[in-house]
């Protein structure tokens, strides 16, 4: 990494990276229903196209690791600045409150679509009232497709629950093992690339073990608000901690992204091809060595794409304003709000004879546009969950059309 003159204020390309990852999440969720490789989804549609397998494998490989890395980068900064108590209070407000409100108010729309797909005919409000008692069910259980229509679940908001847990662990670690009061913004301390590489390898090995022990597609729930994918847990926690390490070493403030952007692009492409090739073999072969290689490939792909995006962003996309700036400001609202609308739009289009590409375009751009607009409308009120409630209302208004 080359030395930089430390600059005050926001690191705009990280905001743009986060926005790009969130938009990719919307694309991922819009594409799944049309991907032949997916055996089950909340919405069933006979129109499939192999192009969406590529979109699915690529976006699924980098979006959440990127979001956890960026979250870890800013989490340690906030923790050092605020102290453990204020830091956790702020995270409970920003992450915990939307998690509870939206799990109870908008996520049941997704369950209702599953219920309707199973032949249910009750009105949404009667269905929702019948679902509410499950909000006090705090069992630890595997998440099975047939049970999703009968329980309160956070669905896409699992990210908030895990991120809140990771932030709590970081605060506890800070109390137990006090560190420097500030990170290392000076170039003399060095970027610590060697240690980062070893830590990334450790994350990859932990992910390899997790892939051997637990099927990649398995999800587990604890109560109504905590949902996770055990096979991905080492990768997500590892990327969060690597983000904290990057902030501590002054990355993106005193040190420029290491390496040529095009080289990281080549590395990401090779990792993607390797990961996709192994993933295809997993359908018929389940050897421990193959599963471990898949876990390592996922980790390497996530790290390569992270450096690719960071290198491009720092050199070419490091400014606020414009469409990307507006989307960046709205990115958290878009993440919170998009999934129920994506599912409802996919449900409305299911069975239609339009091509999968056209349906995907309607679902993706329609959901992104509505969520972006809702965020702009409610932003002056400064309630992080209000845009999602507004978009949930739009999704409910669309349901009678099917």
Protein backbone atom coordinates (compact mmCIF):
# COMPACT_ATOMS: atom_id res chain seq x y z
CA UNK A 1 0.00 0.00 0.00
CA UNK A 2 1.29 3.45 -0.87
CA UNK A 3 1.33 6.20 1.74
CA UNK A 4 -1.35 8.87 1.60
CA UNK A 5 -1.73 12.22 3.27
CA UNK A 6 -4.43 11.58 5.92
CA UNK A 7 -7.66 13.34 5.01
CA UNK A 8 -10.35 14.39 7.47
CA UNK A 9 -14.04 13.61 7.07
CA UNK A 10 -15.82 10.74 5.40
CA UNK A 11 -14.18 8.16 3.19
CA UNK A 12 -16.57 8.52 0.27
CA UNK A 13 -15.51 5.45 -1.68
CA UNK A 14 -16.42 3.22 1.29
CA UNK A 15 -19.89 4.76 1.24
CA UNK A 16 -20.05 4.03 -2.49
CA UNK A 17 -18.83 0.45 -1.92
CA UNK A 18 -21.53 -0.09 0.68
CA UNK A 19 -24.15 1.34 -1.68
CA UNK A 20 -22.94 -0.93 -4.49
CA UNK A 21 -23.16 -3.95 -2.19
CA UNK A 22 -26.71 -3.04 -1.13
CA UNK A 23 -27.84 -2.58 -4.75
CA UNK A 24 -26.23 -5.97 -5.45
CA UNK A 25 -28.30 -7.49 -2.62
CA UNK A 26 -31.46 -6.21 -4.33
CA UNK A 27 -30.25 -7.74 -7.61
CA UNK A 28 -29.45 -11.01 -5.84
CA UNK A 29 -32.91 -11.27 -4.30
CA UNK A 30 -34.58 -10.32 -7.58
CA UNK A 31 -32.56 -12.93 -9.50
CA UNK A 32 -32.96 -15.96 -7.24
CA UNK A 33 -36.47 -16.83 -8.41
CA UNK A 34 -35.24 -17.08 -12.02
CA UNK A 35 -32.02 -19.04 -11.29
CA UNK A 36 -32.26 -22.73 -12.30
CA UNK A 37 -29.68 -23.73 -9.66
CA UNK A 38 -32.03 -22.81 -6.77
CA UNK A 39 -34.33 -25.73 -5.88
CA UNK A 40 -36.73 -23.73 -3.66
CA UNK A 41 -37.60 -20.10 -3.08
CA UNK A 42 -40.40 -18.09 -1.51
CA UNK A 43 -41.84 -17.53 -4.99
CA UNK A 44 -42.04 -20.29 -7.60
CA UNK A 45 -41.76 -19.34 -11.27
CA UNK A 46 -41.25 -21.71 -14.18
CA UNK A 47 -39.34 -19.11 -16.22
CA UNK A 48 -35.64 -19.72 -15.64
CA UNK A 49 -32.45 -18.50 -17.28
CA UNK A 50 -28.89 -19.71 -16.60
CA UNK A 51 -27.66 -16.10 -16.66
CA UNK A 52 -29.19 -15.69 -13.23
CA UNK A 53 -27.13 -18.59 -11.89
CA UNK A 54 -24.04 -16.49 -12.68
CA UNK A 55 -25.54 -13.39 -11.06
CA UNK A 56 -26.53 -15.43 -8.03
CA UNK A 57 -23.15 -17.11 -7.47
CA UNK A 58 -21.21 -13.86 -7.98
CA UNK A 59 -23.33 -11.58 -5.80
CA UNK A 60 -23.80 -14.21 -3.10
CA UNK A 61 -20.02 -14.50 -2.94
CA UNK A 62 -19.14 -10.87 -2.22
CA UNK A 63 -22.07 -8.75 -1.02
CA UNK A 64 -22.38 -9.84 2.62
CA UNK A 65 -18.61 -10.21 3.23
CA UNK A 66 -18.18 -6.67 1.86
CA UNK A 67 -20.93 -5.29 4.08
CA UNK A 68 -19.49 -7.00 7.17
CA UNK A 69 -15.98 -5.70 6.37
CA UNK A 70 -17.19 -2.11 6.03
CA UNK A 71 -19.30 -2.47 9.19
CA UNK A 72 -16.25 -3.71 11.10
CA UNK A 73 -14.13 -0.86 9.76
CA UNK A 74 -16.48 1.78 11.11
CA UNK A 75 -17.43 -0.17 14.26
CA UNK A 76 -13.97 -0.02 15.81
CA UNK A 77 -13.73 3.67 14.97
CA UNK A 78 -17.04 4.34 16.73
CA UNK A 79 -16.14 2.15 19.71
CA UNK A 80 -12.85 3.94 20.30
CA UNK A 81 -14.52 7.32 19.95
CA UNK A 82 -17.67 6.69 22.03
CA UNK A 83 -16.72 4.07 24.59
CA UNK A 84 -18.45 0.73 25.06
CA UNK A 85 -21.68 1.97 26.70
CA UNK A 86 -22.50 4.71 24.20
CA UNK A 87 -21.39 2.50 21.31
CA UNK A 88 -23.76 -0.32 22.26
CA UNK A 89 -26.62 2.12 22.91
CA UNK A 90 -26.14 3.61 19.44
CA UNK A 91 -26.06 0.14 17.83
CA UNK A 92 -29.22 -0.94 19.65
CA UNK A 93 -30.98 2.13 18.27
CA UNK A 94 -29.65 1.81 14.72
CA UNK A 95 -29.74 -1.99 14.39
CA UNK A 96 -31.88 -3.43 17.18
CA UNK A 97 -34.88 -1.13 16.87
CA UNK A 98 -35.38 -1.63 13.10
CA UNK A 99 -34.80 -5.37 13.58
CA UNK A 100 -37.66 -5.65 16.09
CA UNK A 101 -40.08 -3.22 14.41
CA UNK A 102 -39.67 -4.56 10.88
CA UNK A 103 -39.56 -8.23 11.85
CA UNK A 104 -42.97 -7.75 13.42
CA UNK A 105 -44.47 -5.38 10.84
CA UNK A 106 -43.07 -5.99 7.34
CA UNK A 107 -41.35 -9.39 7.34
CA UNK A 108 -44.71 -11.17 7.79
CA UNK A 109 -45.54 -10.00 4.25
CA UNK A 110 -42.93 -12.48 3.02
CA UNK A 111 -44.44 -15.25 5.15
CA UNK A 112 -47.86 -14.33 3.74
CA UNK A 113 -46.63 -14.78 0.16
CA UNK A 114 -45.39 -18.26 1.10
CA UNK A 115 -48.76 -18.95 2.75
CA UNK A 116 -50.64 -17.84 -0.37
CA UNK A 117 -48.36 -19.99 -2.51
CA UNK A 118 -49.30 -22.97 -0.34
CA UNK A 119 -52.99 -22.35 -1.11
CA UNK A 120 -53.94 -20.16 1.87
CA UNK A 121 -56.84 -17.75 1.41
CA UNK A 122 -57.12 -15.71 4.62
CA UNK A 123 -56.77 -11.94 4.46
CA UNK A 124 -53.40 -10.56 5.38
CA UNK A 125 -54.61 -9.02 8.64
CA UNK A 126 -56.23 -12.23 9.89
CA UNK A 127 -53.10 -14.11 8.91
CA UNK A 128 -50.84 -11.57 10.66
CA UNK A 129 -52.86 -11.70 13.88
CA UNK A 130 -52.60 -15.49 13.84
CA UNK A 131 -48.83 -15.22 13.33
CA UNK A 132 -48.14 -12.81 16.22
CA UNK A 133 -48.13 -15.42 19.03
CA UNK A 134 -45.03 -17.00 17.46
CA UNK A 135 -43.09 -13.83 18.35
CA UNK A 136 -42.68 -15.23 21.89
CA UNK A 137 -41.38 -18.59 20.67
CA UNK A 138 -37.69 -18.61 21.58
CA UNK A 139 -36.78 -22.10 20.44
CA UNK A 140 -33.53 -22.93 18.69
CA UNK A 141 -34.50 -24.73 15.51
CA UNK A 142 -33.48 -25.41 11.91
CA UNK A 143 -35.29 -23.26 9.40
CA UNK A 144 -37.39 -25.49 7.17
CA UNK A 145 -39.25 -24.21 4.07
CA UNK A 146 -42.58 -25.69 5.12
CA UNK A 147 -42.45 -23.85 8.49
CA UNK A 148 -41.69 -20.37 7.14
CA UNK A 149 -45.37 -19.55 6.64
CA UNK A 150 -46.14 -20.29 10.29
CA UNK A 151 -43.63 -18.18 12.22
CA UNK A 152 -42.39 -14.63 12.72
CA UNK A 153 -38.93 -14.51 11.11
CA UNK A 154 -36.46 -11.69 10.30
CA UNK A 155 -35.69 -13.00 6.76
CA UNK A 156 -33.23 -10.49 5.20
CA UNK A 157 -32.86 -8.68 8.52
CA UNK A 158 -30.67 -11.54 9.78
CA UNK A 159 -27.79 -9.21 8.88
CA UNK A 160 -28.85 -6.76 11.59
CA UNK A 161 -29.05 -9.45 14.24
CA UNK A 162 -25.61 -10.87 13.47
CA UNK A 163 -24.06 -7.41 13.13
CA UNK A 164 -25.49 -6.41 16.52
CA UNK A 165 -24.02 -9.58 18.02
CA UNK A 166 -20.62 -8.91 16.44
CA UNK A 167 -20.63 -5.34 17.75
CA UNK A 168 -21.40 -6.65 21.22
CA UNK A 169 -18.48 -9.07 21.04
CA UNK A 170 -16.20 -6.27 19.84
CA UNK A 171 -17.24 -4.06 22.78
CA UNK A 172 -16.63 -6.89 25.26
CA UNK A 173 -13.22 -7.57 23.71
CA UNK A 174 -12.41 -3.88 24.00
CA UNK A 175 -13.22 -3.94 27.72
CA UNK A 176 -11.29 -7.13 28.40
CA UNK A 177 -8.26 -6.27 26.26
CA UNK A 178 -7.93 -2.46 26.15
CA UNK A 179 -6.08 -1.22 23.08
CA UNK A 180 -4.83 2.10 21.84
CA UNK A 181 -7.20 4.99 22.11
CA UNK A 182 -6.73 5.70 18.43
CA UNK A 183 -5.98 3.75 15.30
CA UNK A 184 -2.75 4.17 13.36
CA UNK A 185 -3.31 6.91 10.80
CA UNK A 186 0.42 7.55 10.38
CA UNK A 187 2.25 5.94 7.51
CA UNK A 188 5.25 5.02 9.67
CA UNK A 189 3.34 2.26 11.46
CA UNK A 190 2.83 0.38 8.18
CA UNK A 191 -0.32 -1.18 6.78
CA UNK A 192 0.30 -4.62 8.30
CA UNK A 193 -0.37 -6.48 5.06
CA UNK A 194 1.56 -9.57 6.14
CA UNK A 195 -0.51 -10.07 9.27
CA UNK A 196 -3.69 -9.31 7.30
CA UNK A 197 -2.81 -12.09 4.85
CA UNK A 198 -2.31 -14.56 7.68
CA UNK A 199 -5.57 -13.49 9.32
CA UNK A 200 -7.42 -13.84 6.01
CA UNK A 201 -5.95 -17.33 5.62
CA UNK A 202 -7.17 -18.20 9.13
CA UNK A 203 -10.65 -17.00 8.16
CA UNK A 204 -10.51 -19.15 5.03
CA UNK A 205 -9.47 -22.24 7.02
CA UNK A 206 -12.25 -21.66 9.56
CA UNK A 207 -14.72 -21.27 6.70
CA UNK A 208 -13.41 -24.48 5.15
CA UNK A 209 -14.03 -26.37 8.40
CA UNK A 210 -17.53 -24.88 8.69
CA UNK A 211 -18.39 -26.00 5.15
CA UNK A 212 -17.34 -29.55 6.04
CA UNK A 213 -19.37 -29.61 9.27
CA UNK A 214 -22.62 -27.95 8.14
CA UNK A 215 -24.39 -27.89 4.74
CA UNK A 216 -24.00 -24.50 3.09
CA UNK A 217 -27.75 -24.12 2.54
CA UNK A 218 -28.68 -24.83 6.20
CA UNK A 219 -30.19 -21.97 8.23
CA UNK A 220 -31.01 -21.91 11.93
CA UNK A 221 -33.22 -19.59 13.98
CA UNK A 222 -33.21 -18.66 17.64
CA UNK A 223 -36.45 -16.95 18.52
CA UNK A 224 -38.05 -14.44 16.14
CA UNK A 225 -35.08 -12.09 15.69
CA UNK A 226 -31.91 -14.13 15.24
CA UNK A 227 -31.31 -16.09 12.05
CA UNK A 228 -28.00 -17.30 10.67
CA UNK A 229 -26.26 -19.61 8.22
CA UNK A 230 -23.71 -21.62 10.26
CA UNK A 231 -21.53 -22.53 7.26
CA UNK A 232 -20.99 -18.82 6.51
CA UNK A 233 -20.53 -17.63 10.10
CA UNK A 234 -16.68 -17.81 10.16
CA UNK A 235 -16.50 -15.84 6.91
CA UNK A 236 -18.84 -13.10 8.11
CA UNK A 237 -17.26 -12.75 11.54
CA UNK A 238 -13.81 -12.90 9.98
CA UNK A 239 -14.56 -10.14 7.47
CA UNK A 240 -16.00 -7.98 10.27
CA UNK A 241 -12.79 -8.41 12.30
CA UNK A 242 -10.61 -7.84 9.23
CA UNK A 243 -12.46 -4.55 8.72
CA UNK A 244 -11.66 -3.55 12.30
CA UNK A 245 -8.03 -4.49 11.74
CA UNK A 246 -7.93 -2.40 8.55
CA UNK A 247 -9.16 0.69 10.42
CA UNK A 248 -6.65 0.11 13.22
CA UNK A 249 -3.78 0.02 10.72
CA UNK A 250 -4.84 3.23 9.02
CA UNK A 251 -6.07 1.68 5.77
CA UNK A 252 -7.75 4.12 3.37
CA UNK A 253 -6.58 7.08 5.52
CA UNK A 254 -2.79 6.77 5.57
CA UNK A 255 -2.32 3.87 3.15
CA UNK A 256 -3.67 3.38 -0.35
CA UNK A 257 -5.09 0.04 -1.47
CA UNK A 258 -2.32 -2.42 -2.23
CA UNK A 259 -1.79 -3.73 -5.76
CA UNK A 260 -3.15 -2.99 -9.20
CA UNK A 261 -6.92 -2.93 -9.54
CA UNK A 262 -6.85 -5.07 -12.68
CA UNK A 263 -4.78 -7.74 -10.90
CA UNK A 264 -7.40 -7.97 -8.16
CA UNK A 265 -9.99 -8.23 -10.92
CA UNK A 266 -8.15 -11.19 -12.46
CA UNK A 267 -7.79 -12.79 -9.03
CA UNK A 268 -11.52 -12.34 -8.37
CA UNK A 269 -12.40 -13.88 -11.76
CA UNK A 270 -10.18 -16.91 -11.18
CA UNK A 271 -11.58 -17.36 -7.67
CA UNK A 272 -15.12 -17.08 -9.04
CA UNK A 273 -14.49 -19.73 -11.70
CA UNK A 274 -12.92 -22.04 -9.13
CA UNK A 275 -15.71 -21.44 -6.61
CA UNK A 276 -18.45 -21.91 -9.23
CA UNK A 277 -16.81 -25.09 -10.53
CA UNK A 278 -16.59 -26.60 -7.05
CA UNK A 279 -20.11 -25.47 -6.22
CA UNK A 280 -21.46 -27.30 -9.25
CA UNK A 281 -19.69 -30.48 -8.17
CA UNK A 282 -21.22 -30.28 -4.69
CA UNK A 283 -24.61 -31.26 -6.14
CA UNK A 284 -23.34 -34.79 -6.76
CA UNK A 285 -20.22 -35.11 -4.58
CA UNK A 286 -19.86 -34.32 -0.89
CA UNK A 287 -16.26 -35.19 -0.03
CA UNK A 288 -14.72 -33.30 2.87
CA UNK A 289 -11.83 -32.10 0.70
CA UNK A 290 -14.21 -30.64 -1.88
CA UNK A 291 -16.26 -28.88 0.78
CA UNK A 292 -13.14 -27.44 2.40
CA UNK A 293 -11.86 -26.20 -0.98
CA UNK A 294 -15.23 -24.51 -1.53
CA UNK A 295 -14.93 -22.68 1.80
CA UNK A 296 -11.42 -21.48 0.95
CA UNK A 297 -12.54 -20.41 -2.52
CA UNK A 298 -15.45 -18.39 -1.09
CA UNK A 299 -13.09 -16.58 1.26
CA UNK A 300 -10.50 -15.84 -1.42
CA UNK A 301 -13.20 -14.58 -3.79
CA UNK A 302 -14.65 -12.28 -1.09
CA UNK A 303 -11.22 -10.81 -0.27
CA UNK A 304 -10.28 -10.39 -3.95
CA UNK A 305 -13.53 -8.57 -4.76
CA UNK A 306 -13.06 -6.40 -1.66
CA UNK A 307 -9.64 -5.24 -2.87
CA UNK A 308 -10.99 -4.83 -6.41
CA UNK A 309 -13.82 -2.57 -5.23
CA UNK A 310 -11.61 -0.68 -2.79
CA UNK A 311 -8.89 -0.11 -5.37
CA UNK A 312 -11.34 1.10 -8.00
CA UNK A 313 -13.25 3.17 -5.46
CA UNK A 314 -10.24 4.90 -3.98
CA UNK A 315 -8.86 5.82 -7.39
CA UNK A 316 -12.01 6.42 -9.46
CA UNK A 317 -15.07 6.68 -7.21
CA UNK A 318 -14.04 8.66 -4.17
CA UNK A 319 -16.44 11.59 -4.25
CA UNK A 320 -19.94 12.39 -2.98
CA UNK A 321 -22.90 13.73 -4.90
CA UNK A 322 -24.86 12.75 -7.96
CA UNK A 323 -26.97 9.63 -8.31
CA UNK A 324 -24.45 7.44 -6.50
CA UNK A 325 -24.34 9.93 -3.62
CA UNK A 326 -28.12 9.92 -3.31
CA UNK A 327 -28.22 6.12 -3.43
CA UNK A 328 -25.44 5.99 -0.87
CA UNK A 329 -27.41 8.12 1.57
CA UNK A 330 -30.45 5.87 1.04
CA UNK A 331 -28.56 2.54 1.09
CA UNK A 332 -29.51 1.51 4.63
CA UNK A 333 -33.17 2.30 4.01
CA UNK A 334 -33.01 0.34 0.75
CA UNK A 335 -31.59 -2.69 2.53
CA UNK A 336 -34.24 -2.58 5.25
CA UNK A 337 -37.14 -2.04 2.86
CA UNK A 338 -36.51 -3.98 -0.34
CA UNK A 339 -37.14 -7.66 0.37
CA UNK A 340 -40.92 -7.76 0.97
CA UNK A 341 -41.48 -5.71 -2.21
CA UNK A 342 -39.10 -7.93 -4.23
CA UNK A 343 -41.02 -11.01 -3.09
CA UNK A 344 -44.45 -9.49 -3.79
CA UNK A 345 -43.45 -8.30 -7.28
CA UNK A 346 -41.99 -11.72 -8.06
CA UNK A 347 -45.21 -13.32 -6.82
CA UNK A 348 -47.36 -11.06 -9.01
CA UNK A 349 -45.29 -11.91 -12.09
CA UNK A 350 -45.14 -15.67 -11.44
CA UNK A 351 -46.94 -17.61 -14.13
CA UNK A 352 -46.75 -14.69 -16.57
CA UNK A 353 -45.32 -15.69 -19.94
CA UNK A 354 -42.88 -12.77 -20.10
CA UNK A 355 -39.18 -13.67 -20.25
CA UNK A 356 -37.18 -14.15 -17.08
CA UNK A 357 -34.94 -11.21 -18.03
CA UNK A 358 -37.91 -8.84 -18.34
CA UNK A 359 -39.41 -10.05 -15.06
CA UNK A 360 -36.08 -9.60 -13.31
CA UNK A 361 -35.80 -6.06 -14.68
CA UNK A 362 -39.28 -5.18 -13.41
CA UNK A 363 -38.62 -6.62 -9.97
CA UNK A 364 -35.12 -5.17 -9.60
CA UNK A 365 -35.66 -1.65 -10.93
CA UNK A 366 -39.17 -1.42 -9.51
CA UNK A 367 -38.05 -2.38 -6.00
CA UNK A 368 -34.94 -0.23 -6.11
CA UNK A 369 -36.86 2.81 -7.36
CA UNK A 370 -39.67 2.54 -4.81
CA UNK A 371 -37.25 2.03 -1.90
CA UNK A 372 -35.04 4.89 -3.04
CA UNK A 373 -38.05 7.19 -3.38
CA UNK A 374 -39.45 6.18 0.01
CA UNK A 375 -36.09 6.92 1.63
CA UNK A 376 -36.00 10.41 0.13
CA UNK A 377 -39.55 11.11 1.32
CA UNK A 378 -39.04 10.11 4.95
CA UNK A 379 -35.39 11.09 5.44
CA UNK A 380 -36.20 14.46 7.12
CA UNK A 381 -37.97 12.50 9.90
CA UNK A 382 -34.73 10.62 10.74
CA UNK A 383 -36.44 7.30 11.54
CA UNK A 384 -34.42 4.48 10.00
CA UNK A 385 -37.35 2.07 9.84
CA UNK A 386 -40.03 4.42 8.47
CA UNK A 387 -39.10 4.03 4.78
CA UNK A 388 -39.35 0.24 5.17
CA UNK A 389 -42.83 0.57 6.67
CA UNK A 390 -43.86 2.77 3.74
CA UNK A 391 -42.52 0.26 1.20
CA UNK A 392 -44.23 -2.56 3.10
CA UNK A 393 -47.50 -0.67 2.71
CA UNK A 394 -46.91 -0.44 -1.04
CA UNK A 395 -46.27 -4.20 -1.16
CA UNK A 396 -49.52 -4.91 0.71
CA UNK A 397 -51.48 -2.66 -1.65
CA UNK A 398 -50.16 -4.72 -4.57
CA UNK A 399 -51.20 -8.08 -3.12
CA UNK A 400 -54.91 -7.84 -4.11
CA UNK A 401 -53.84 -7.76 -7.77
CA UNK A 402 -53.09 -11.49 -7.59
